[in-house]
Protein backbone atom coordinates (compact mmCIF):
# COMPACT_ATOMS: atom_id res chain seq x y z
CA MET A 1 122.73 81.30 126.70
CA ALA A 2 126.48 80.90 126.22
CA VAL A 3 127.20 83.59 128.82
CA ASN A 4 124.96 81.88 131.35
CA ILE A 5 126.66 78.54 130.71
CA LEU A 6 130.00 80.17 131.45
CA GLN A 7 128.68 81.91 134.55
CA ALA A 8 127.55 78.53 135.84
CA GLY A 9 131.18 77.42 135.77
CA LEU A 10 130.85 75.00 132.86
CA ASN A 11 133.60 74.61 130.29
CA LEU A 12 132.45 75.89 126.91
CA ARG A 13 133.78 75.56 123.41
CA VAL A 14 131.67 77.61 121.02
CA TRP A 15 131.34 78.15 117.30
CA ASN A 16 129.10 80.56 115.40
CA ARG A 17 128.53 80.73 111.66
CA THR A 18 129.28 84.46 112.02
CA ARG A 19 132.55 84.33 113.95
CA ASP A 20 132.37 87.93 115.21
CA ARG A 21 129.25 87.07 117.21
CA ALA A 22 131.21 84.53 119.25
CA ALA A 23 134.47 86.48 119.59
CA GLY A 24 133.35 88.40 122.68
CA LEU A 25 132.94 85.15 124.62
CA THR A 26 136.71 84.63 124.72
CA GLU A 27 137.18 87.20 127.48
CA ARG A 28 134.46 85.46 129.49
CA GLY A 29 136.35 82.16 129.39
CA ALA A 30 135.01 80.37 126.34
CA TYR A 31 137.16 78.74 123.71
CA VAL A 32 136.03 80.07 120.32
CA ALA A 33 136.46 77.22 117.87
CA ALA A 34 137.63 77.46 114.30
CA ASP A 35 134.91 75.13 113.02
CA PRO A 36 132.17 72.80 114.34
CA ALA A 37 134.52 69.82 114.61
CA ASP A 38 136.83 71.89 116.79
CA ALA A 39 133.88 73.00 118.91
CA VAL A 40 132.70 69.48 119.75
CA LEU A 41 136.18 68.06 120.44
CA GLY A 42 136.00 66.16 123.71
CA ALA A 43 132.54 67.48 124.57
CA ASP A 44 130.17 65.50 126.79
CA LEU A 45 127.25 67.68 125.67
CA ILE A 46 126.90 69.11 122.16
CA VAL A 47 124.38 71.94 121.94
CA THR A 48 122.89 73.31 118.74
CA MET A 49 120.87 76.52 118.62
CA LEU A 50 120.31 77.70 115.05
CA TRP A 51 117.56 78.93 112.74
CA ASP A 52 115.99 75.73 111.37
CA ALA A 53 116.56 72.04 110.65
CA ASP A 54 118.51 72.73 107.46
CA SER A 55 121.01 75.00 109.22
CA VAL A 56 121.41 72.53 112.08
CA ALA A 57 121.93 69.59 109.73
CA GLY A 58 124.41 71.57 107.66
CA VAL A 59 126.54 72.16 110.76
CA VAL A 60 126.28 68.69 112.27
CA GLU A 61 126.46 66.40 109.20
CA PRO A 62 130.22 66.97 108.68
CA LEU A 63 131.04 65.93 112.25
CA THR A 64 132.59 62.58 111.39
CA THR A 65 135.60 63.22 113.65
CA GLY A 66 136.11 64.76 117.06
CA VAL A 67 132.83 63.55 118.55
CA SER A 68 133.31 61.77 121.86
CA ALA A 69 131.88 58.29 122.28
CA GLY A 70 128.74 58.50 124.38
CA ALA A 71 128.28 62.25 123.85
CA ILE A 72 124.78 63.71 124.09
CA TRP A 73 123.53 66.01 121.38
CA VAL A 74 121.15 68.53 122.95
CA GLN A 75 119.21 70.02 120.05
CA MET A 76 117.64 73.28 121.30
CA SER A 77 116.62 74.94 118.02
CA THR A 78 112.95 75.15 117.03
CA VAL A 79 112.85 72.78 114.06
CA GLY A 80 109.33 71.33 114.13
CA VAL A 81 108.22 67.71 114.30
CA ASP A 82 109.57 66.58 110.93
CA GLY A 83 112.81 68.48 111.47
CA CYS A 84 113.30 66.83 114.85
CA GLU A 85 112.79 63.38 113.33
CA ARG A 86 115.34 64.17 110.63
CA LEU A 87 117.93 65.33 113.16
CA ALA A 88 117.31 62.34 115.43
CA GLY A 89 118.15 60.14 112.45
CA LEU A 90 121.36 62.08 111.93
CA ALA A 91 122.23 61.57 115.60
CA ARG A 92 121.86 57.81 115.15
CA GLU A 93 124.19 57.91 112.15
CA LEU A 94 126.81 59.77 114.18
CA GLY A 95 126.43 57.56 117.25
CA LEU A 96 125.15 60.40 119.43
CA THR A 97 122.46 60.24 122.11
CA PHE A 98 119.78 62.67 120.97
CA VAL A 99 117.94 65.00 123.34
CA ASP A 100 115.23 67.20 121.85
CA ALA A 101 115.14 70.36 124.01
CA PRO A 102 113.65 73.53 122.50
CA VAL A 103 113.11 76.48 124.82
CA LEU A 104 110.32 78.89 125.65
CA GLY A 105 111.08 82.54 126.26
CA SER A 106 112.33 85.59 124.43
CA LYS A 107 115.64 87.45 124.47
CA LYS A 108 115.24 88.78 128.02
CA ALA A 109 114.53 85.32 129.41
CA ALA A 110 117.61 84.03 127.60
CA ASP A 111 119.72 86.90 128.96
CA ASP A 112 118.46 86.27 132.49
CA GLY A 113 118.88 82.50 132.34
CA LEU A 114 115.15 82.04 132.84
CA LEU A 115 114.14 80.15 129.74
CA THR A 116 111.77 77.20 130.10
CA VAL A 117 113.46 74.11 128.67
CA ILE A 118 111.09 71.54 127.20
CA ALA A 119 113.12 68.34 127.02
CA SER A 120 112.57 64.87 125.66
CA GLY A 121 114.89 61.96 125.09
CA PRO A 122 115.83 58.45 126.18
CA PRO A 123 115.60 57.45 129.85
CA GLY A 124 118.62 58.19 132.00
CA VAL A 125 119.85 61.41 130.37
CA GLU A 126 118.18 63.84 132.75
CA ASP A 127 121.06 64.07 135.23
CA ARG A 128 123.67 64.52 132.51
CA CYS A 129 121.73 67.45 131.04
CA ALA A 130 120.78 69.08 134.35
CA SER A 131 123.80 71.38 134.68
CA LEU A 132 123.23 72.77 131.18
CA PHE A 133 119.51 73.23 131.59
CA ASN A 134 119.89 74.82 135.04
CA ALA A 135 122.38 77.29 133.57
CA VAL A 136 120.14 78.53 130.76
CA GLY A 137 116.69 78.00 132.24
CA GLY A 138 114.55 78.66 135.24
CA ARG A 139 112.50 75.50 134.71
CA THR A 140 112.89 72.20 132.87
CA LEU A 141 109.91 70.12 131.77
CA TRP A 142 110.69 66.56 130.65
CA VAL A 143 107.92 65.27 128.39
CA GLY A 144 108.92 61.82 127.11
CA GLU A 145 110.79 60.45 124.12
CA ALA A 146 112.63 62.69 121.66
CA GLY A 147 110.16 64.50 119.43
CA ALA A 148 107.59 65.15 122.14
CA ALA A 149 109.34 68.37 123.17
CA SER A 150 109.38 69.75 119.63
CA GLY A 151 105.69 68.94 119.35
CA LEU A 152 104.87 70.71 122.61
CA LYS A 153 106.94 73.74 121.55
CA LEU A 154 104.69 74.09 118.50
CA VAL A 155 101.58 73.72 120.66
CA VAL A 156 102.74 76.59 122.87
CA ASN A 157 103.80 78.72 119.90
CA ALA A 158 100.38 78.21 118.30
CA TRP A 159 98.80 79.68 121.43
CA VAL A 160 101.27 82.59 121.44
CA LEU A 161 100.51 83.32 117.80
CA SER A 162 96.75 83.31 118.34
CA VAL A 163 97.10 85.67 121.33
CA LEU A 164 99.41 87.97 119.37
CA GLU A 165 97.03 88.24 116.43
CA GLY A 166 94.08 88.63 118.80
CA ILE A 167 95.73 91.60 120.51
CA ALA A 168 96.48 93.19 117.14
CA GLU A 169 92.90 92.76 115.94
CA SER A 170 91.40 94.18 119.14
CA ILE A 171 93.61 97.26 118.94
CA THR A 172 92.83 97.64 115.23
CA LEU A 173 89.09 97.45 115.95
CA ALA A 174 89.37 100.01 118.76
CA GLN A 175 91.11 102.43 116.42
CA GLY A 176 88.54 101.76 113.70
CA LEU A 177 85.75 102.63 116.12
CA GLY A 178 87.48 105.83 117.15
CA LEU A 179 88.43 104.56 120.60
CA ASP A 180 91.71 105.02 122.42
CA PRO A 181 93.22 101.50 122.16
CA ARG A 182 94.59 101.84 125.68
CA LEU A 183 91.01 101.43 126.85
CA PHE A 184 91.23 97.80 125.68
CA LEU A 185 94.09 97.14 128.08
CA GLN A 186 92.33 99.04 130.86
CA ALA A 187 89.11 97.06 130.34
CA ILE A 188 90.79 93.68 130.85
CA ASP A 189 93.15 94.88 133.59
CA GLY A 190 93.08 92.57 136.60
CA GLY A 191 90.37 90.32 135.18
CA ALA A 192 90.40 86.70 134.09
CA MET A 193 91.27 87.77 130.53
CA ASP A 194 94.29 89.79 131.59
CA ALA A 195 97.86 88.54 131.22
CA PRO A 196 101.30 90.17 131.39
CA TYR A 197 101.92 89.12 127.78
CA VAL A 198 98.81 90.98 126.58
CA LYS A 199 99.96 94.18 128.26
CA LEU A 200 103.53 93.77 127.03
CA LYS A 201 102.70 93.23 123.37
CA GLY A 202 99.61 95.44 123.40
CA THR A 203 101.61 98.37 124.74
CA ALA A 204 104.33 97.73 122.15
CA MET A 205 101.74 97.87 119.36
CA ILE A 206 100.05 101.00 120.68
CA GLU A 207 103.34 102.83 121.22
CA SER A 208 105.00 101.50 118.04
CA GLN A 209 107.90 100.08 120.03
CA TYR A 210 109.29 97.08 118.16
CA ALA A 211 112.72 96.44 119.72
CA VAL A 212 113.20 92.78 118.96
CA ALA A 213 112.65 90.11 121.58
CA PHE A 214 111.59 87.56 118.95
CA SER A 215 111.42 88.63 115.33
CA VAL A 216 108.56 88.69 112.84
CA ASP A 217 110.55 86.44 110.50
CA GLY A 218 111.28 83.98 113.31
CA ALA A 219 107.61 83.84 114.26
CA ALA A 220 106.62 83.35 110.61
CA LYS A 221 109.07 80.46 110.34
CA ASP A 222 107.59 78.86 113.45
CA ALA A 223 104.06 79.41 112.13
CA GLY A 224 105.01 77.40 109.07
CA LEU A 225 106.24 74.58 111.32
CA ILE A 226 102.96 74.68 113.25
CA LEU A 227 100.92 74.37 110.08
CA ALA A 228 103.09 71.55 108.74
CA ALA A 229 102.67 69.63 112.00
CA ALA A 230 98.92 70.26 111.96
CA GLU A 231 98.65 68.93 108.42
CA SER A 232 100.57 65.78 109.39
CA ALA A 233 98.29 65.33 112.40
CA GLY A 234 95.15 65.88 110.32
CA VAL A 235 93.95 68.92 112.26
CA THR A 236 93.01 72.43 111.17
CA MET A 237 94.78 75.47 112.60
CA GLU A 238 92.91 78.50 111.29
CA PHE A 239 94.40 81.00 113.74
CA ALA A 240 97.92 79.85 112.89
CA ALA A 241 97.19 80.23 109.18
CA VAL A 242 95.93 83.78 109.66
CA GLY A 243 98.85 84.57 111.95
CA ARG A 244 101.40 83.39 109.41
CA LYS A 245 99.71 85.43 106.68
CA ARG A 246 99.82 88.58 108.82
CA LEU A 247 103.45 87.97 109.80
CA GLU A 248 104.42 87.51 106.16
CA GLU A 249 102.60 90.74 105.29
CA ALA A 250 104.48 92.58 108.04
CA SER A 251 107.76 91.13 106.80
CA ALA A 252 106.99 92.11 103.20
CA ALA A 253 106.36 95.65 104.46
CA GLY A 254 109.93 95.74 105.81
CA HIS A 255 109.38 94.66 109.42
CA GLY A 256 110.86 91.16 109.31
CA ALA A 257 113.66 91.99 111.75
CA SER A 258 111.33 93.83 114.15
CA ASP A 259 109.73 92.22 117.17
CA MET A 260 106.81 89.97 116.34
CA ALA A 261 104.49 92.56 117.88
CA ALA A 262 104.92 94.23 114.48
CA ILE A 263 102.30 91.77 113.26
CA PHE A 264 100.12 94.76 114.13
CA LEU A 265 101.55 96.55 111.08
CA ALA A 266 100.05 94.02 108.65
CA ASP A 267 97.27 95.40 106.47
CA ARG A 268 93.82 94.74 108.03
CA ARG A 269 91.77 97.10 105.88
CA THR A 270 88.69 95.65 104.19
CA SER A 271 88.60 95.67 100.41
CA GLY A 272 85.31 97.54 100.51
């Protein structure tokens, strides 16, 4: 995302908790800051992209100096509904305009600048965020007040998780019945049930290719956010609960840093 911001001709000051990961951006034109306060100095837009609400809050809470009056905080991490509300409160304390803008897409989409940005915030901020969103994404969907975007991100991730587990179960059943699991992909090819994502992750499972686009541990974290949001909303998410269990099993088996297609490696044997 940082590379694409630079390629769009935008000025960028960047800070990473692991400094070595940001060092290579210097030769591309970024200023690598010594700390978060240095990174936001004079910035019109402050972007956070970290693991969860705790890590975001830990970086932003100390920013009592250096923040420009009228700056917009574009919070792009996946933090869930409660996490978004917490960070919006922090923005108010710091005098920042808060834009909730998680993204859809894996590593390749990020590399290619083709993420989908789901954005929500107060009226009138769209134009000020457009250059950033156009740099990192192929499409921006504005969905209302801050918090709505984080909610929609969980809705989409719940669907992704159910599809991922469904692919894994179909392949597992094919193998259990003594069938070549590739027949599953051939059977749905070109039909209403087919989708590029099914072929992508199904092929990865069948061929045991787990180069990470989005990790098992990241998906498990997001599954927890989905279930927390569902509980707050008073709805049941049985697929998400099963998906999180399988992801945690895959992680416990040593696959936490592998692509989330490694959900297939969770134990699905019956006790009988």
